[in-house]
PDB file of N, CA and C in Angstrom:
ATOM      1  N   MET A   1       0.382  -1.228  -0.056  1.00  0.00           N
ATOM      2  CA  MET A   1       0.074  -0.318  -0.174  1.00  0.00           C
ATOM      3  C   MET A   1       0.889   1.285   0.094  1.00  0.00           C
ATOM      4  N   ARG A   2       0.501   2.259  -0.676  1.00  0.00           N
ATOM      5  CA  ARG A   2       1.303   3.518  -0.602  1.00  0.00           C
ATOM      6  C   ARG A   2       1.128   4.111   0.745  1.00  0.00           C
ATOM      7  N   ASP A   3       2.189   5.073   0.866  1.00  0.00           N
ATOM      8  CA  ASP A   3       2.505   5.665   1.749  1.00  0.00           C
ATOM      9  C   ASP A   3       1.314   7.228   1.418  1.00  0.00           C
ATOM     10  N   GLN A   4       0.283   7.590   2.005  1.00  0.00           N
ATOM     11  CA  GLN A   4      -0.692   8.246   2.256  1.00  0.00           C
ATOM     12  C   GLN A   4       0.195  10.201   1.588  1.00  0.00           C
ATOM     13  N   SER A   5       1.450  10.306   2.746  1.00  0.00           N
ATOM     14  CA  SER A   5       1.877  11.237   2.365  1.00  0.00           C
ATOM     15  C   SER A   5       2.849  11.292   0.705  1.00  0.00           C
ATOM     16  N   THR A   6       3.121  10.296   0.196  1.00  0.00           N
ATOM     17  CA  THR A   6       3.577  10.551  -0.852  1.00  0.00           C
ATOM     18  C   THR A   6       2.251  10.199  -1.918  1.00  0.00           C
ATOM     19  N   ALA A   7       1.399   9.775  -1.793  1.00  0.00           N
ATOM     20  CA  ALA A   7       0.004   9.587  -2.879  1.00  0.00           C
ATOM     21  C   ALA A   7       0.017  11.055  -3.313  1.00  0.00           C
ATOM     22  N   PRO A   8      -0.271  10.532  -4.958  1.00  0.00           N
ATOM     23  CA  PRO A   8      -0.634  11.965  -5.970  1.00  0.00           C
ATOM     24  C   PRO A   8      -1.471  12.459  -5.661  1.00  0.00           C
ATOM     25  N   ALA A   9      -1.797  13.430  -5.841  1.00  0.00           N
ATOM     26  CA  ALA A   9      -3.263  14.073  -5.478  1.00  0.00           C
ATOM     27  C   ALA A   9      -4.506  13.911  -6.321  1.00  0.00           C
ATOM     28  N   ASN A  10      -4.001  12.742  -7.758  1.00  0.00           N
ATOM     29  CA  ASN A  10      -4.953  12.511  -8.889  1.00  0.00           C
ATOM     30  C   ASN A  10      -5.000  10.432  -8.614  1.00  0.00           C
ATOM     31  N   ALA A  11      -4.849  10.728  -6.867  1.00  0.00           N
ATOM     32  CA  ALA A  11      -5.460   9.340  -6.082  1.00  0.00           C
ATOM     33  C   ALA A  11      -6.888   8.925  -6.231  1.00  0.00           C
ATOM     34  N   TRP A  12      -7.416   9.360  -6.099  1.00  0.00           N
ATOM     35  CA  TRP A  12      -9.171   8.881  -6.975  1.00  0.00           C
ATOM     36  C   TRP A  12      -9.183   8.400  -7.802  1.00  0.00           C
ATOM     37  N   GLN A  13      -8.499   8.824  -8.842  1.00  0.00           N
ATOM     38  CA  GLN A  13      -8.194   8.009 -10.388  1.00  0.00           C
ATOM     39  C   GLN A  13      -7.947   6.818  -9.944  1.00  0.00           C
ATOM     40  N   ASP A  14      -7.067   6.443  -9.254  1.00  0.00           N
ATOM     41  CA  ASP A  14      -5.987   5.466  -9.269  1.00  0.00           C
ATOM     42  C   ASP A  14      -7.091   3.919  -8.381  1.00  0.00           C
ATOM     43  N   GLN A  15      -7.920   4.923  -7.651  1.00  0.00           N
ATOM     44  CA  GLN A  15      -8.689   4.037  -6.603  1.00  0.00           C
ATOM     45  C   GLN A  15     -10.102   4.461  -6.942  1.00  0.00           C
ATOM     46  N   HIS A  16     -11.055   4.604  -7.944  1.00  0.00           N
ATOM     47  CA  HIS A  16     -11.918   5.540  -7.887  1.00  0.00           C
ATOM     48  C   HIS A  16     -12.905   3.847  -7.731  1.00  0.00           C
ATOM     49  N   GLU A  17     -12.427   2.751  -8.155  1.00  0.00           N
ATOM     50  CA  GLU A  17     -13.470   1.304  -7.763  1.00  0.00           C
ATOM     51  C   GLU A  17     -13.411   1.245  -6.963  1.00  0.00           C
ATOM     52  N   MET A  18     -12.688   1.773  -5.767  1.00  0.00           N
ATOM     53  CA  MET A  18     -12.886   1.048  -4.289  1.00  0.00           C
ATOM     54  C   MET A  18     -14.266   2.238  -3.654  1.00  0.00           C
ATOM     55  N   PHE A  19     -14.653   3.416  -4.829  1.00  0.00           N
ATOM     56  CA  PHE A  19     -15.475   4.075  -3.655  1.00  0.00           C
ATOM     57  C   PHE A  19     -16.921   3.917  -4.272  1.00  0.00           C
ATOM     58  N   SER A  20     -17.775   3.713  -3.779  1.00  0.00           N
ATOM     59  CA  SER A  20     -19.495   4.583  -4.531  1.00  0.00           C
ATOM     60  C   SER A  20     -19.326   5.939  -4.863  1.00  0.00           C
ATOM     61  N   VAL A  21     -19.682   6.214  -6.015  1.00  0.00           N
ATOM     62  CA  VAL A  21     -19.831   7.622  -6.288  1.00  0.00           C
ATOM     63  C   VAL A  21     -20.971   8.533  -6.524  1.00  0.00           C
ATOM     64  N   ALA A  22     -21.055   9.415  -5.457  1.00  0.00           N
ATOM     65  CA  ALA A  22     -22.864  10.452  -5.057  1.00  0.00           C
ATOM     66  C   ALA A  22     -22.790  11.095  -6.468  1.00  0.00           C
ATOM     67  N   SER A  23     -24.046  11.188  -6.951  1.00  0.00           N
ATOM     68  CA  SER A  23     -25.050  11.700  -7.760  1.00  0.00           C
ATOM     69  C   SER A  23     -24.375  13.007  -8.204  1.00  0.00           C
ATOM     70  N   PRO A  24     -24.252  13.586  -8.325  1.00  0.00           N
ATOM     71  CA  PRO A  24     -23.310  15.126  -9.328  1.00  0.00           C
ATOM     72  C   PRO A  24     -24.719  15.662  -8.954  1.00  0.00           C
ATOM     73  N   CYS A  25     -25.916  15.191  -9.264  1.00  0.00           N
ATOM     74  CA  CYS A  25     -27.093  16.562  -8.606  1.00  0.00           C
ATOM     75  C   CYS A  25     -26.953  17.981  -8.104  1.00  0.00           C
ATOM     76  N   ILE A  26     -27.679  18.594  -8.000  1.00  0.00           N
ATOM     77  CA  ILE A  26     -27.693  19.612  -7.471  1.00  0.00           C
ATOM     78  C   ILE A  26     -28.762  20.236  -7.018  1.00  0.00           C
ATOM     79  N   GLY A  27     -29.476  19.553  -7.606  1.00  0.00           N
ATOM     80  CA  GLY A  27     -31.135  20.063  -7.197  1.00  0.00           C
ATOM     81  C   GLY A  27     -32.136  20.867  -8.463  1.00  0.00           C
ATOM     82  N   VAL A  28     -31.210  20.855  -9.542  1.00  0.00           N
ATOM     83  CA  VAL A  28     -31.531  22.050 -10.623  1.00  0.00           C
ATOM     84  C   VAL A  28     -32.068  21.328 -11.908  1.00  0.00           C
ATOM     85  N   CYS A  29     -33.396  20.968 -11.977  1.00  0.00           N
ATOM     86  CA  CYS A  29     -33.188  19.848 -12.939  1.00  0.00           C
ATOM     87  C   CYS A  29     -34.769  20.794 -13.570  1.00  0.00           C
ATOM     88  N   THR A  30     -33.098  21.008 -14.846  1.00  0.00           N
ATOM     89  CA  THR A  30     -33.501  21.319 -15.975  1.00  0.00           C
ATOM     90  C   THR A  30     -33.093  21.438 -17.022  1.00  0.00           C
ATOM     91  N   SER A  31     -33.642  21.026 -18.300  1.00  0.00           N
ATOM     92  CA  SER A  31     -33.014  20.637 -19.457  1.00  0.00           C
ATOM     93  C   SER A  31     -32.822  22.072 -20.317  1.00  0.00           C
ATOM     94  N   GLY A  32     -31.264  22.081 -20.880  1.00  0.00           N
ATOM     95  CA  GLY A  32     -30.927  22.917 -21.599  1.00  0.00           C
ATOM     96  C   GLY A  32     -31.270  22.799 -22.993  1.00  0.00           C
ATOM     97  N   ALA A  33     -30.707  23.613 -23.995  1.00  0.00           N
ATOM     98  CA  ALA A  33     -31.344  23.655 -25.458  1.00  0.00           C
ATOM     99  C   ALA A  33     -30.806  22.542 -26.077  1.00  0.00           C
ATOM    100  N   LYS A  34     -29.633  21.882 -25.564  1.00  0.00           N
ATOM    101  CA  LYS A  34     -29.154  20.817 -25.882  1.00  0.00           C
ATOM    102  C   LYS A  34     -28.975  19.231 -25.202  1.00  0.00           C
ATOM    103  N   GLY A  35     -30.393  19.504 -23.883  1.00  0.00           N
ATOM    104  CA  GLY A  35     -30.297  18.208 -23.491  1.00  0.00           C
ATOM    105  C   GLY A  35     -29.754  17.813 -22.376  1.00  0.00           C
ATOM    106  N   TYR A  36     -28.756  18.945 -21.560  1.00  0.00           N
ATOM    107  CA  TYR A  36     -28.027  18.343 -20.104  1.00  0.00           C
ATOM    108  C   TYR A  36     -28.237  19.320 -19.626  1.00  0.00           C
ATOM    109  N   CYS A  37     -29.222  18.702 -18.485  1.00  0.00           N
ATOM    110  CA  CYS A  37     -29.073  19.295 -17.584  1.00  0.00           C
ATOM    111  C   CYS A  37     -28.247  20.609 -17.255  1.00  0.00           C
ATOM    112  N   LYS A  38     -28.747  21.486 -16.936  1.00  0.00           N
ATOM    113  CA  LYS A  38     -28.817  23.066 -16.464  1.00  0.00           C
ATOM    114  C   LYS A  38     -27.922  22.759 -14.984  1.00  0.00           C
ATOM    115  N   GLY A  39     -27.929  21.952 -13.991  1.00  0.00           N
ATOM    116  CA  GLY A  39     -27.946  22.073 -12.819  1.00  0.00           C
ATOM    117  C   GLY A  39     -26.322  20.996 -12.843  1.00  0.00           C
ATOM    118  N   CYS A  40     -26.535  19.757 -12.822  1.00  0.00           N
ATOM    119  CA  CYS A  40     -25.401  18.897 -13.212  1.00  0.00           C
ATOM    120  C   CYS A  40     -24.312  18.769 -14.758  1.00  0.00           C
ATOM    121  N   LEU A  41     -25.202  18.942 -15.586  1.00  0.00           N
ATOM    122  CA  LEU A  41     -24.617  18.965 -16.793  1.00  0.00           C
ATOM    123  C   LEU A  41     -24.619  17.382 -17.396  1.00  0.00           C
ATOM    124  N   ARG A  42     -25.700  16.807 -16.554  1.00  0.00           N
ATOM    125  CA  ARG A  42     -25.798  15.092 -17.113  1.00  0.00           C
ATOM    126  C   ARG A  42     -26.222  15.460 -18.140  1.00  0.00           C
ATOM    127  N   SER A  43     -26.557  14.264 -19.393  1.00  0.00           N
ATOM    128  CA  SER A  43     -26.994  14.152 -20.677  1.00  0.00           C
ATOM    129  C   SER A  43     -28.428  13.942 -19.842  1.00  0.00           C
ATOM    130  N   ARG A  44     -29.643  13.145 -20.934  1.00  0.00           N
ATOM    131  CA  ARG A  44     -30.910  12.501 -20.586  1.00  0.00           C
ATOM    132  C   ARG A  44     -30.586  11.206 -20.322  1.00  0.00           C
ATOM    133  N   ILE A  45     -29.498  10.874 -21.072  1.00  0.00           N
ATOM    134  CA  ILE A  45     -29.143   9.361 -20.808  1.00  0.00           C
ATOM    135  C   ILE A  45     -28.683   9.059 -19.417  1.00  0.00           C
ATOM    136  N   GLU A  46     -28.040   9.673 -18.865  1.00  0.00           N
ATOM    137  CA  GLU A  46     -27.254  10.008 -18.210  1.00  0.00           C
ATOM    138  C   GLU A  46     -27.574  10.124 -16.653  1.00  0.00           C
ATOM    139  N   ARG A  47     -28.597  10.803 -17.027  1.00  0.00           N
ATOM    140  CA  ARG A  47     -29.280  11.107 -15.446  1.00  0.00           C
ATOM    141  C   ARG A  47     -30.679   9.394 -15.466  1.00  0.00           C
ATOM    142  N   PHE A  48     -31.304   9.214 -16.567  1.00  0.00           N
ATOM    143  CA  PHE A  48     -31.991   8.514 -16.319  1.00  0.00           C
ATOM    144  C   PHE A  48     -31.597   6.688 -15.912  1.00  0.00           C
ATOM    145  N   HIS A  49     -30.021   6.475 -16.451  1.00  0.00           N
ATOM    146  CA  HIS A  49     -29.506   5.662 -16.633  1.00  0.00           C
ATOM    147  C   HIS A  49     -28.583   5.555 -15.330  1.00  0.00           C
ATOM    148  N   TRP A  50     -29.141   6.962 -14.256  1.00  0.00           N
ATOM    149  CA  TRP A  50     -27.860   6.948 -13.192  1.00  0.00           C
ATOM    150  C   TRP A  50     -27.433   5.360 -12.015  1.00  0.00           C
ATOM    151  N   HIS A  51     -29.013   5.234 -11.561  1.00  0.00           N
ATOM    152  CA  HIS A  51     -28.872   3.944 -10.939  1.00  0.00           C
ATOM    153  C   HIS A  51     -28.513   2.486 -11.190  1.00  0.00           C
ATOM    154  N   GLU A  52     -28.384   2.055 -12.723  1.00  0.00           N
ATOM    155  CA  GLU A  52     -28.026   1.205 -13.141  1.00  0.00           C
ATOM    156  C   GLU A  52     -26.882   1.399 -13.892  1.00  0.00           C
ATOM    157  N   MET A  53     -25.796   2.745 -13.388  1.00  0.00           N
ATOM    158  CA  MET A  53     -24.451   2.526 -13.910  1.00  0.00           C
ATOM    159  C   MET A  53     -23.414   2.098 -13.017  1.00  0.00           C
ATOM    160  N   SER A  54     -22.311   1.067 -13.053  1.00  0.00           N
ATOM    161  CA  SER A  54     -21.298   0.677 -12.064  1.00  0.00           C
ATOM    162  C   SER A  54     -20.399   2.134 -11.586  1.00  0.00           C
ATOM    163  N   ASP A  55     -19.737   1.383 -10.879  1.00  0.00           N
ATOM    164  CA  ASP A  55     -18.978   2.741 -10.167  1.00  0.00           C
ATOM    165  C   ASP A  55     -18.123   3.470 -11.365  1.00  0.00           C
ATOM    166  N   ASN A  56     -17.492   2.558 -11.968  1.00  0.00           N
ATOM    167  CA  ASN A  56     -16.650   3.244 -12.806  1.00  0.00           C
ATOM    168  C   ASN A  56     -17.129   3.926 -13.972  1.00  0.00           C
ATOM    169  N   GLN A  57     -18.867   3.299 -14.635  1.00  0.00           N
ATOM    170  CA  GLN A  57     -19.365   4.510 -15.457  1.00  0.00           C
ATOM    171  C   GLN A  57     -20.075   5.387 -15.202  1.00  0.00           C
ATOM    172  N   LYS A  58     -20.003   5.779 -13.513  1.00  0.00           N
ATOM    173  CA  LYS A  58     -20.825   6.622 -12.662  1.00  0.00           C
ATOM    174  C   LYS A  58     -19.708   7.952 -12.930  1.00  0.00           C
ATOM    175  N   PHE A  59     -18.035   6.917 -12.020  1.00  0.00           N
ATOM    176  CA  PHE A  59     -17.025   8.527 -12.723  1.00  0.00           C
ATOM    177  C   PHE A  59     -16.694   8.974 -13.200  1.00  0.00           C
ATOM    178  N   THR A  60     -16.676   7.935 -14.586  1.00  0.00           N
ATOM    179  CA  THR A  60     -16.618   8.784 -16.511  1.00  0.00           C
ATOM    180  C   THR A  60     -17.871   9.484 -16.714  1.00  0.00           C
ATOM    181  N   VAL A  61     -19.209   9.551 -15.805  1.00  0.00           N
ATOM    182  CA  VAL A  61     -20.457  10.597 -15.651  1.00  0.00           C
ATOM    183  C   VAL A  61     -19.578  11.821 -15.811  1.00  0.00           C
ATOM    184  N   VAL A  62     -19.140  11.352 -14.130  1.00  0.00           N
ATOM    185  CA  VAL A  62     -18.645  13.013 -13.146  1.00  0.00           C
ATOM    186  C   VAL A  62     -17.175  13.489 -13.943  1.00  0.00           C
ATOM    187  N   GLN A  63     -16.368  12.263 -14.297  1.00  0.00           N
ATOM    188  CA  GLN A  63     -15.290  13.458 -15.329  1.00  0.00           C
ATOM    189  C   GLN A  63     -15.770  14.301 -16.714  1.00  0.00           C
ATOM    190  N   LEU A  64     -16.533  13.565 -17.376  1.00  0.00           N
ATOM    191  CA  LEU A  64     -17.821  14.603 -18.805  1.00  0.00           C
ATOM    192  C   LEU A  64     -18.310  15.803 -17.906  1.00  0.00           C
ATOM    193  N   CYS A  65     -18.811  15.983 -16.780  1.00  0.00           N
ATOM    194  CA  CYS A  65     -19.400  16.780 -16.424  1.00  0.00           C
ATOM    195  C   CYS A  65     -18.895  17.734 -16.294  1.00  0.00           C
ATOM    196  N   GLN A  66     -17.332  17.523 -15.336  1.00  0.00           N
ATOM    197  CA  GLN A  66     -16.818  18.775 -14.858  1.00  0.00           C
ATOM    198  C   GLN A  66     -15.767  18.602 -16.284  1.00  0.00           C
ATOM    199  N   SER A  67     -15.989  18.405 -17.260  1.00  0.00           N
ATOM    200  CA  SER A  67     -15.728  18.798 -18.525  1.00  0.00           C
ATOM    201  C   SER A  67     -16.258  19.369 -19.376  1.00  0.00           C
ATOM    202  N   ARG A  68     -17.421  19.474 -18.886  1.00  0.00           N
ATOM    203  CA  ARG A  68     -18.511  20.132 -19.863  1.00  0.00           C
ATOM    204  C   ARG A  68     -18.130  21.408 -18.495  1.00  0.00           C
ATOM    205  N   LYS A  69     -18.367  21.197 -18.314  1.00  0.00           N
ATOM    206  CA  LYS A  69     -18.299  22.557 -17.032  1.00  0.00           C
ATOM    207  C   LYS A  69     -17.138  23.702 -17.456  1.00  0.00           C
ATOM    208  N   THR A  70     -16.068  23.309 -17.561  1.00  0.00           N
ATOM    209  CA  THR A  70     -14.602  23.513 -18.363  1.00  0.00           C
ATOM    210  C   THR A  70     -14.836  24.219 -18.967  1.00  0.00           C
ATOM    211  N   ARG A  71     -16.038  23.663 -20.212  1.00  0.00           N
ATOM    212  CA  ARG A  71     -15.759  24.046 -21.774  1.00  0.00           C
ATOM    213  C   ARG A  71     -17.314  25.103 -21.682  1.00  0.00           C
ATOM    214  N   ILE A  72     -17.932  25.400 -20.811  1.00  0.00           N
ATOM    215  CA  ILE A  72     -18.961  26.722 -20.437  1.00  0.00           C
ATOM    216  C   ILE A  72     -18.139  27.251 -20.029  1.00  0.00           C
ATOM    217  N   ILE A  73     -17.362  27.407 -19.311  1.00  0.00           N
ATOM    218  CA  ILE A  73     -16.796  28.512 -18.222  1.00  0.00           C
ATOM    219  C   ILE A  73     -16.303  29.178 -19.591  1.00  0.00           C
ATOM    220  N   ALA A  74     -15.329  28.222 -20.374  1.00  0.00           N
ATOM    221  CA  ALA A  74     -14.438  28.804 -21.187  1.00  0.00           C
ATOM    222  C   ALA A  74     -14.712  29.773 -22.400  1.00  0.00           C
ATOM    223  N   ALA A  75     -15.966  29.024 -22.681  1.00  0.00           N
ATOM    224  CA  ALA A  75     -16.674  29.461 -23.573  1.00  0.00           C
ATOM    225  C   ALA A  75     -17.868  31.274 -23.344  1.00  0.00           C
ATOM    226  N   ARG A  76     -18.118  31.230 -21.629  1.00  0.00           N
ATOM    227  CA  ARG A  76     -18.380  32.007 -21.749  1.00  0.00           C
ATOM    228  C   ARG A  76     -17.268  33.421 -20.766  1.00  0.00           C
ATOM    229  N   LYS A  77     -16.465  33.199 -20.642  1.00  0.00           N
ATOM    230  CA  LYS A  77     -15.312  33.905 -20.643  1.00  0.00           C
ATOM    231  C   LYS A  77     -14.615  34.596 -21.975  1.00  0.00           C
ATOM    232  N   ARG A  78     -14.846  33.920 -23.134  1.00  0.00           N
ATOM    233  CA  ARG A  78     -14.484  33.942 -24.552  1.00  0.00           C
ATOM    234  C   ARG A  78     -15.545  35.161 -25.539  1.00  0.00           C
ATOM    235  N   ARG A  79     -17.002  34.979 -24.596  1.00  0.00           N
ATOM    236  CA  ARG A  79     -18.560  35.592 -25.343  1.00  0.00           C
ATOM    237  C   ARG A  79     -17.754  36.940 -24.164  1.00  0.00           C
ATOM    238  N   ASP A  80     -17.322  37.258 -23.197  1.00  0.00           N
ATOM    239  CA  ASP A  80     -17.239  38.506 -22.218  1.00  0.00           C
ATOM    240  C   ASP A  80     -16.202  39.275 -22.779  1.00  0.00           C
ATOM    241  N   VAL A  81     -14.942  38.540 -23.513  1.00  0.00           N
ATOM    242  CA  VAL A  81     -13.751  39.380 -23.534  1.00  0.00           C
ATOM    243  C   VAL A  81     -14.352  39.766 -25.125  1.00  0.00           C
ATOM    244  N   THR A  82     -15.289  39.329 -26.219  1.00  0.00           N
ATOM    245  CA  THR A  82     -15.429  40.237 -27.285  1.00  0.00           C
ATOM    246  C   THR A  82     -16.897  40.949 -26.934  1.00  0.00           C
ATOM    247  N   GLN A  83     -17.471  41.009 -25.905  1.00  0.00           N
ATOM    248  CA  GLN A  83     -18.858  41.832 -25.945  1.00  0.00           C
ATOM    249  C   GLN A  83     -17.975  42.886 -25.122  1.00  0.00           C
ATOM    250  N   LEU A  84     -16.937  42.458 -24.737  1.00  0.00           N
ATOM    251  CA  LEU A  84     -15.500  44.101 -24.208  1.00  0.00           C
ATOM    252  C   LEU A  84     -15.623  44.422 -25.638  1.00  0.00           C
ATOM    253  N   GLN A  85     -14.600  43.990 -26.364  1.00  0.00           N
ATOM    254  CA  GLN A  85     -13.892  44.375 -27.107  1.00  0.00           C
ATOM    255  C   GLN A  85     -15.160  45.198 -27.952  1.00  0.00           C
ATOM    256  N   GLN A  86     -16.049  45.039 -28.526  1.00  0.00           N
ATOM    257  CA  GLN A  86     -17.178  45.147 -29.485  1.00  0.00           C
ATOM    258  C   GLN A  86     -17.388  46.836 -28.501  1.00  0.00           C
ATOM    259  N   GLU A  87     -17.570  46.617 -27.024  1.00  0.00           N
ATOM    260  CA  GLU A  87     -18.521  47.749 -26.765  1.00  0.00           C
ATOM    261  C   GLU A  87     -17.099  48.700 -26.646  1.00  0.00           C
ATOM    262  N   ASP A  88     -16.065  48.284 -26.961  1.00  0.00           N
ATOM    263  CA  ASP A  88     -15.054  49.099 -26.745  1.00  0.00           C
ATOM    264  C   ASP A  88     -14.566  49.709 -27.604  1.00  0.00           C
ATOM    265  N   PHE A  89     -14.914  48.597 -29.110  1.00  0.00           N
ATOM    266  CA  PHE A  89     -14.653  49.539 -30.453  1.00  0.00           C
ATOM    267  C   PHE A  89     -15.953  50.955 -30.856  1.00  0.00           C
ATOM    268  N   PHE A  90     -17.255  50.517 -30.341  1.00  0.00           N
ATOM    269  CA  PHE A  90     -18.300  51.759 -30.494  1.00  0.00           C
ATOM    270  C   PHE A  90     -18.272  52.721 -29.847  1.00  0.00           C
ATOM    271  N   ASP A  91     -17.561  52.574 -28.414  1.00  0.00           N
ATOM    272  CA  ASP A  91     -17.276  53.485 -27.927  1.00  0.00           C
ATOM    273  C   ASP A  91     -16.681  54.799 -28.521  1.00  0.00           C
ATOM    274  N   ASP A  92     -15.657  53.995 -29.011  1.00  0.00           N
ATOM    275  CA  ASP A  92     -14.196  54.865 -29.879  1.00  0.00           C
ATOM    276  C   ASP A  92     -14.671  55.353 -30.594  1.00  0.00           C
ATOM    277  N   ILE A  93     -16.213  55.199 -31.172  1.00  0.00           N
ATOM    278  CA  ILE A  93     -16.769  55.965 -32.764  1.00  0.00           C
ATOM    279  C   ILE A  93     -17.678  56.654 -32.153  1.00  0.00           C
ATOM    280  N   ASP A  94     -18.244  56.470 -31.147  1.00  0.00           N
ATOM    281  CA  ASP A  94     -19.180  57.689 -30.463  1.00  0.00           C
ATOM    282  C   ASP A  94     -17.730  59.038 -29.928  1.00  0.00           C
ATOM    283  N   ASP A  95     -17.025  58.486 -29.342  1.00  0.00           N
ATOM    284  CA  ASP A  95     -16.025  58.991 -29.133  1.00  0.00           C
ATOM    285  C   ASP A  95     -15.269  60.372 -30.483  1.00  0.00           C
ATOM    286  N   GLN A  96     -15.211  59.800 -31.611  1.00  0.00           N
ATOM    287  CA  GLN A  96     -14.951  60.260 -32.836  1.00  0.00           C
ATOM    288  C   GLN A  96     -16.192  61.248 -33.026  1.00  0.00           C
ATOM    289  N   MET A  97     -17.247  60.841 -33.149  1.00  0.00           N
ATOM    290  CA  MET A  97     -17.962  61.229 -33.876  1.00  0.00           C
ATOM    291  C   MET A  97     -18.502  62.335 -32.901  1.00  0.00           C
ATOM    292  N   ASN A  98     -18.315  62.462 -31.954  1.00  0.00           N
ATOM    293  CA  ASN A  98     -18.165  64.211 -31.206  1.00  0.00           C
ATOM    294  C   ASN A  98     -18.184  64.782 -31.820  1.00  0.00           C
ATOM    295  N   LEU A  99     -16.644  64.560 -32.470  1.00  0.00           N
ATOM    296  CA  LEU A  99     -15.794  65.547 -32.887  1.00  0.00           C
ATOM    297  C   LEU A  99     -16.428  66.044 -34.012  1.00  0.00           C
ATOM    298  N   PHE A 100     -17.299  66.055 -35.009  1.00  0.00           N
ATOM    299  CA  PHE A 100     -17.782  66.410 -35.891  1.00  0.00           C
ATOM    300  C   PHE A 100     -18.779  67.467 -35.437  1.00  0.00           C
TER     301      PHE A 100
END
């Protein structure tokens, strides 16, 4: 058995089959336009078959949900930056128009 002090931070990934996996549900059970739950980001199939899945399958679904959340956050940041750039562009035009 590994010494706890030298265990890697991702030890869960090495030993996930030893633990039961809790549902990622946070009680916001509404589907978005693409069919994913807005709360936990599971697909419809992942939600409906959660209780039939093995712990390894559940662990994989949780990882997929985390990946989806990361992509959503990155997309929102890109959108926010684009909006700021557009607003700045239009502000400059307004300032230039005031000169005439």
